[in-house]
Amino acid sequence: MARAGDPTTVRVYRLSILSRTVVGIAGSYALAVAASFAVAALLGGRDGVQLGVMIGFVVFAVGAIWAFATRSAARAWTGIAGATAFCGLVFVAAGGLA
């Protein structure tokens, strides 16, 4: 059984925090951009772009918080990647690449 001061346990803990930090910053940023694009493609025009940007700020904050609220770093990566993929599919389905 690993003790609290065991170097392996400390190393795994630090890698988990690093992984959550990366997904909280980079992953949430990608999710915010994908959500902004999806909203802008769905609504169109200047109002859609403006609403998409406002929603992007909220999505970024929620994603960053959620990255540290989950039980594991793998769950954080899976959730952020899945939400980003969903927003990307909505963007493409709304004709964003046409």
N, C-alpha and C. Protein backbone atom coordinates (compact mmCIF):
# COMPACT_ATOMS: atom_id res chain seq x y z
N MET A 1 0.84 -1.17 0.00
CA MET A 1 0.00 0.00 0.00
C MET A 1 0.89 1.24 0.00
N ALA A 2 0.52 2.21 -0.81
CA ALA A 2 1.32 3.43 -0.92
C ALA A 2 1.00 4.38 0.22
N ARG A 3 2.06 4.97 0.76
CA ARG A 3 1.88 5.95 1.83
C ARG A 3 1.66 7.32 1.22
N ALA A 4 1.21 8.26 2.03
CA ALA A 4 0.91 9.61 1.55
C ALA A 4 2.16 10.32 1.05
N GLY A 5 3.31 10.05 1.63
CA GLY A 5 4.55 10.72 1.24
C GLY A 5 5.35 9.95 0.20
N ASP A 6 4.79 8.87 -0.32
CA ASP A 6 5.49 8.06 -1.31
C ASP A 6 5.72 8.86 -2.59
N PRO A 7 6.95 8.86 -3.13
CA PRO A 7 7.23 9.65 -4.34
C PRO A 7 6.37 9.27 -5.54
N THR A 8 5.99 8.02 -5.66
CA THR A 8 5.15 7.61 -6.78
C THR A 8 3.76 8.21 -6.65
N THR A 9 3.21 8.20 -5.47
CA THR A 9 1.89 8.79 -5.24
C THR A 9 1.91 10.29 -5.50
N VAL A 10 2.95 10.96 -5.06
CA VAL A 10 3.08 12.40 -5.28
C VAL A 10 3.20 12.69 -6.77
N ARG A 11 3.97 11.89 -7.48
CA ARG A 11 4.16 12.08 -8.92
C ARG A 11 2.85 11.89 -9.68
N VAL A 12 2.08 10.88 -9.34
CA VAL A 12 0.79 10.62 -9.99
C VAL A 12 -0.17 11.77 -9.69
N TYR A 13 -0.18 12.25 -8.47
CA TYR A 13 -1.05 13.36 -8.09
C TYR A 13 -0.69 14.62 -8.88
N ARG A 14 0.60 14.90 -9.01
CA ARG A 14 1.02 16.09 -9.75
C ARG A 14 0.70 15.98 -11.23
N LEU A 15 0.84 14.80 -11.80
CA LEU A 15 0.47 14.60 -13.21
C LEU A 15 -1.03 14.75 -13.42
N SER A 16 -1.80 14.31 -12.45
CA SER A 16 -3.25 14.48 -12.54
C SER A 16 -3.63 15.96 -12.51
N ILE A 17 -2.99 16.73 -11.65
CA ILE A 17 -3.26 18.17 -11.58
C ILE A 17 -2.81 18.85 -12.87
N LEU A 18 -1.66 18.45 -13.42
CA LEU A 18 -1.19 19.01 -14.69
C LEU A 18 -2.17 18.69 -15.81
N SER A 19 -2.66 17.46 -15.85
CA SER A 19 -3.60 17.06 -16.88
C SER A 19 -4.91 17.85 -16.77
N ARG A 20 -5.40 18.02 -15.56
CA ARG A 20 -6.62 18.80 -15.37
C ARG A 20 -6.42 20.27 -15.74
N THR A 21 -5.23 20.79 -15.47
CA THR A 21 -4.94 22.18 -15.83
C THR A 21 -4.93 22.35 -17.35
N VAL A 22 -4.32 21.41 -18.04
CA VAL A 22 -4.28 21.48 -19.51
C VAL A 22 -5.68 21.38 -20.10
N VAL A 23 -6.48 20.44 -19.61
CA VAL A 23 -7.84 20.31 -20.15
C VAL A 23 -8.70 21.49 -19.71
N GLY A 24 -8.43 22.03 -18.54
CA GLY A 24 -9.19 23.19 -18.08
C GLY A 24 -8.91 24.43 -18.90
N ILE A 25 -7.69 24.59 -19.36
CA ILE A 25 -7.34 25.78 -20.14
C ILE A 25 -7.53 25.52 -21.63
N ALA A 26 -6.77 24.59 -22.18
CA ALA A 26 -6.81 24.35 -23.63
C ALA A 26 -8.11 23.69 -24.08
N GLY A 27 -8.56 22.70 -23.33
CA GLY A 27 -9.78 22.00 -23.70
C GLY A 27 -11.01 22.89 -23.59
N SER A 28 -11.07 23.66 -22.51
CA SER A 28 -12.21 24.57 -22.36
C SER A 28 -12.18 25.68 -23.40
N TYR A 29 -10.99 26.09 -23.80
CA TYR A 29 -10.89 27.10 -24.86
C TYR A 29 -11.43 26.53 -26.17
N ALA A 30 -11.03 25.30 -26.50
CA ALA A 30 -11.52 24.67 -27.73
C ALA A 30 -13.04 24.48 -27.67
N LEU A 31 -13.55 24.10 -26.51
CA LEU A 31 -14.99 23.94 -26.34
C LEU A 31 -15.71 25.27 -26.50
N ALA A 32 -15.15 26.34 -25.94
CA ALA A 32 -15.77 27.65 -26.05
C ALA A 32 -15.80 28.13 -27.50
N VAL A 33 -14.73 27.89 -28.23
CA VAL A 33 -14.69 28.28 -29.64
C VAL A 33 -15.71 27.47 -30.44
N ALA A 34 -15.77 26.17 -30.19
CA ALA A 34 -16.72 25.32 -30.91
C ALA A 34 -18.16 25.72 -30.59
N ALA A 35 -18.44 26.05 -29.33
CA ALA A 35 -19.79 26.48 -28.96
C ALA A 35 -20.12 27.82 -29.60
N SER A 36 -19.15 28.73 -29.65
CA SER A 36 -19.38 30.03 -30.29
C SER A 36 -19.68 29.86 -31.76
N PHE A 37 -18.90 29.03 -32.44
CA PHE A 37 -19.13 28.78 -33.86
C PHE A 37 -20.48 28.14 -34.10
N ALA A 38 -20.86 27.19 -33.24
CA ALA A 38 -22.14 26.49 -33.42
C ALA A 38 -23.31 27.45 -33.26
N VAL A 39 -23.26 28.30 -32.25
CA VAL A 39 -24.35 29.26 -32.04
C VAL A 39 -24.39 30.26 -33.19
N ALA A 40 -23.23 30.74 -33.61
CA ALA A 40 -23.19 31.71 -34.71
C ALA A 40 -23.71 31.09 -36.01
N ALA A 41 -23.41 29.82 -36.25
CA ALA A 41 -23.88 29.16 -37.47
C ALA A 41 -25.39 28.90 -37.40
N LEU A 42 -25.89 28.60 -36.22
CA LEU A 42 -27.32 28.34 -36.08
C LEU A 42 -28.15 29.60 -36.25
N LEU A 43 -27.71 30.71 -35.67
CA LEU A 43 -28.50 31.93 -35.70
C LEU A 43 -28.17 32.84 -36.87
N GLY A 44 -26.92 32.87 -37.27
CA GLY A 44 -26.51 33.69 -38.40
C GLY A 44 -26.54 35.18 -38.09
N GLY A 45 -25.86 35.94 -38.89
CA GLY A 45 -25.85 37.39 -38.75
C GLY A 45 -25.03 37.87 -37.58
N ARG A 46 -25.07 39.18 -37.38
CA ARG A 46 -24.29 39.78 -36.30
C ARG A 46 -24.80 39.38 -34.93
N ASP A 47 -26.11 39.24 -34.80
CA ASP A 47 -26.66 38.87 -33.50
C ASP A 47 -26.22 37.46 -33.09
N GLY A 48 -26.17 36.56 -34.06
CA GLY A 48 -25.72 35.21 -33.78
C GLY A 48 -24.27 35.17 -33.36
N VAL A 49 -23.44 35.97 -34.00
CA VAL A 49 -22.03 36.02 -33.65
C VAL A 49 -21.85 36.61 -32.25
N GLN A 50 -22.59 37.67 -31.96
CA GLN A 50 -22.48 38.29 -30.65
C GLN A 50 -22.97 37.36 -29.54
N LEU A 51 -24.08 36.70 -29.76
CA LEU A 51 -24.57 35.74 -28.77
C LEU A 51 -23.60 34.57 -28.62
N GLY A 52 -23.03 34.12 -29.74
CA GLY A 52 -22.06 33.03 -29.68
C GLY A 52 -20.84 33.39 -28.84
N VAL A 53 -20.36 34.61 -28.98
CA VAL A 53 -19.20 35.05 -28.19
C VAL A 53 -19.56 35.11 -26.71
N MET A 54 -20.74 35.61 -26.39
CA MET A 54 -21.15 35.68 -24.99
C MET A 54 -21.30 34.29 -24.38
N ILE A 55 -21.88 33.38 -25.16
CA ILE A 55 -22.02 32.01 -24.68
C ILE A 55 -20.65 31.35 -24.54
N GLY A 56 -19.73 31.69 -25.43
CA GLY A 56 -18.38 31.15 -25.35
C GLY A 56 -17.68 31.48 -24.04
N PHE A 57 -17.87 32.70 -23.53
CA PHE A 57 -17.28 33.08 -22.25
C PHE A 57 -17.82 32.21 -21.12
N VAL A 58 -19.11 32.00 -21.13
CA VAL A 58 -19.73 31.18 -20.08
C VAL A 58 -19.27 29.73 -20.19
N VAL A 59 -19.23 29.22 -21.41
CA VAL A 59 -18.82 27.82 -21.62
C VAL A 59 -17.38 27.61 -21.18
N PHE A 60 -16.51 28.59 -21.46
CA PHE A 60 -15.11 28.47 -21.04
C PHE A 60 -15.00 28.39 -19.52
N ALA A 61 -15.72 29.25 -18.83
CA ALA A 61 -15.67 29.25 -17.36
C ALA A 61 -16.22 27.95 -16.78
N VAL A 62 -17.34 27.49 -17.32
CA VAL A 62 -17.94 26.25 -16.81
C VAL A 62 -17.04 25.05 -17.11
N GLY A 63 -16.44 25.03 -18.29
CA GLY A 63 -15.53 23.93 -18.64
C GLY A 63 -14.30 23.89 -17.75
N ALA A 64 -13.75 25.05 -17.44
CA ALA A 64 -12.58 25.09 -16.57
C ALA A 64 -12.92 24.64 -15.15
N ILE A 65 -14.07 25.04 -14.67
CA ILE A 65 -14.50 24.60 -13.34
C ILE A 65 -14.77 23.11 -13.34
N TRP A 66 -15.43 22.63 -14.40
CA TRP A 66 -15.79 21.22 -14.46
C TRP A 66 -14.57 20.31 -14.57
N ALA A 67 -13.49 20.81 -15.16
CA ALA A 67 -12.28 20.00 -15.28
C ALA A 67 -11.72 19.62 -13.91
N PHE A 68 -11.91 20.48 -12.92
CA PHE A 68 -11.42 20.18 -11.58
C PHE A 68 -12.51 19.59 -10.68
N ALA A 69 -13.74 19.59 -11.11
CA ALA A 69 -14.82 19.07 -10.28
C ALA A 69 -15.07 17.58 -10.50
N THR A 70 -14.53 17.03 -11.57
CA THR A 70 -14.77 15.61 -11.86
C THR A 70 -13.89 14.73 -10.97
N ARG A 71 -14.21 13.46 -10.94
CA ARG A 71 -13.47 12.53 -10.08
C ARG A 71 -12.09 12.20 -10.62
N SER A 72 -11.93 12.21 -11.93
CA SER A 72 -10.64 11.85 -12.49
C SER A 72 -10.32 12.74 -13.68
N ALA A 73 -9.04 12.80 -14.01
CA ALA A 73 -8.61 13.59 -15.16
C ALA A 73 -9.13 12.98 -16.46
N ALA A 74 -9.21 11.66 -16.51
CA ALA A 74 -9.71 11.00 -17.72
C ALA A 74 -11.17 11.37 -17.98
N ARG A 75 -11.94 11.47 -16.94
CA ARG A 75 -13.35 11.87 -17.08
C ARG A 75 -13.45 13.32 -17.56
N ALA A 76 -12.55 14.16 -17.08
CA ALA A 76 -12.54 15.56 -17.53
C ALA A 76 -12.20 15.64 -19.01
N TRP A 77 -11.19 14.89 -19.44
CA TRP A 77 -10.81 14.88 -20.86
C TRP A 77 -11.96 14.36 -21.72
N THR A 78 -12.59 13.28 -21.29
CA THR A 78 -13.68 12.68 -22.05
C THR A 78 -14.86 13.64 -22.17
N GLY A 79 -15.22 14.28 -21.09
CA GLY A 79 -16.35 15.19 -21.11
C GLY A 79 -16.11 16.41 -21.98
N ILE A 80 -14.94 17.02 -21.86
CA ILE A 80 -14.64 18.21 -22.66
C ILE A 80 -14.52 17.83 -24.14
N ALA A 81 -13.86 16.71 -24.43
CA ALA A 81 -13.71 16.29 -25.83
C ALA A 81 -15.07 15.94 -26.44
N GLY A 82 -15.93 15.27 -25.69
CA GLY A 82 -17.25 14.92 -26.20
C GLY A 82 -18.12 16.14 -26.46
N ALA A 83 -18.08 17.10 -25.56
CA ALA A 83 -18.86 18.32 -25.75
C ALA A 83 -18.33 19.13 -26.93
N THR A 84 -17.01 19.16 -27.09
CA THR A 84 -16.41 19.87 -28.22
C THR A 84 -16.80 19.21 -29.54
N ALA A 85 -16.76 17.89 -29.57
CA ALA A 85 -17.16 17.17 -30.78
C ALA A 85 -18.63 17.42 -31.11
N PHE A 86 -19.47 17.43 -30.09
CA PHE A 86 -20.90 17.70 -30.31
C PHE A 86 -21.10 19.09 -30.89
N CYS A 87 -20.44 20.09 -30.33
CA CYS A 87 -20.57 21.45 -30.86
C CYS A 87 -20.03 21.55 -32.28
N GLY A 88 -18.97 20.81 -32.56
CA GLY A 88 -18.45 20.78 -33.92
C GLY A 88 -19.43 20.16 -34.90
N LEU A 89 -20.11 19.11 -34.48
CA LEU A 89 -21.12 18.50 -35.34
C LEU A 89 -22.31 19.42 -35.57
N VAL A 90 -22.70 20.16 -34.54
CA VAL A 90 -23.79 21.13 -34.70
C VAL A 90 -23.38 22.21 -35.68
N PHE A 91 -22.14 22.66 -35.58
CA PHE A 91 -21.63 23.68 -36.49
C PHE A 91 -21.66 23.20 -37.94
N VAL A 92 -21.21 21.99 -38.17
CA VAL A 92 -21.19 21.44 -39.53
C VAL A 92 -22.61 21.20 -40.02
N ALA A 93 -23.49 20.69 -39.14
CA ALA A 93 -24.88 20.44 -39.54
C ALA A 93 -25.63 21.73 -39.85
N ALA A 94 -25.25 22.82 -39.22
CA ALA A 94 -25.90 24.10 -39.47
C ALA A 94 -25.37 24.78 -40.73
N GLY A 95 -24.47 24.12 -41.41
CA GLY A 95 -23.94 24.67 -42.65
C GLY A 95 -22.79 25.65 -42.44
N GLY A 96 -22.05 25.46 -41.35
CA GLY A 96 -20.96 26.37 -41.04
C GLY A 96 -19.80 26.30 -41.99
N LEU A 97 -19.61 25.18 -42.66
CA LEU A 97 -18.49 25.04 -43.59
C LEU A 97 -18.88 25.32 -45.03
N ALA A 98 -20.15 25.57 -45.28
CA ALA A 98 -20.62 25.79 -46.66
C ALA A 98 -20.35 27.19 -47.12
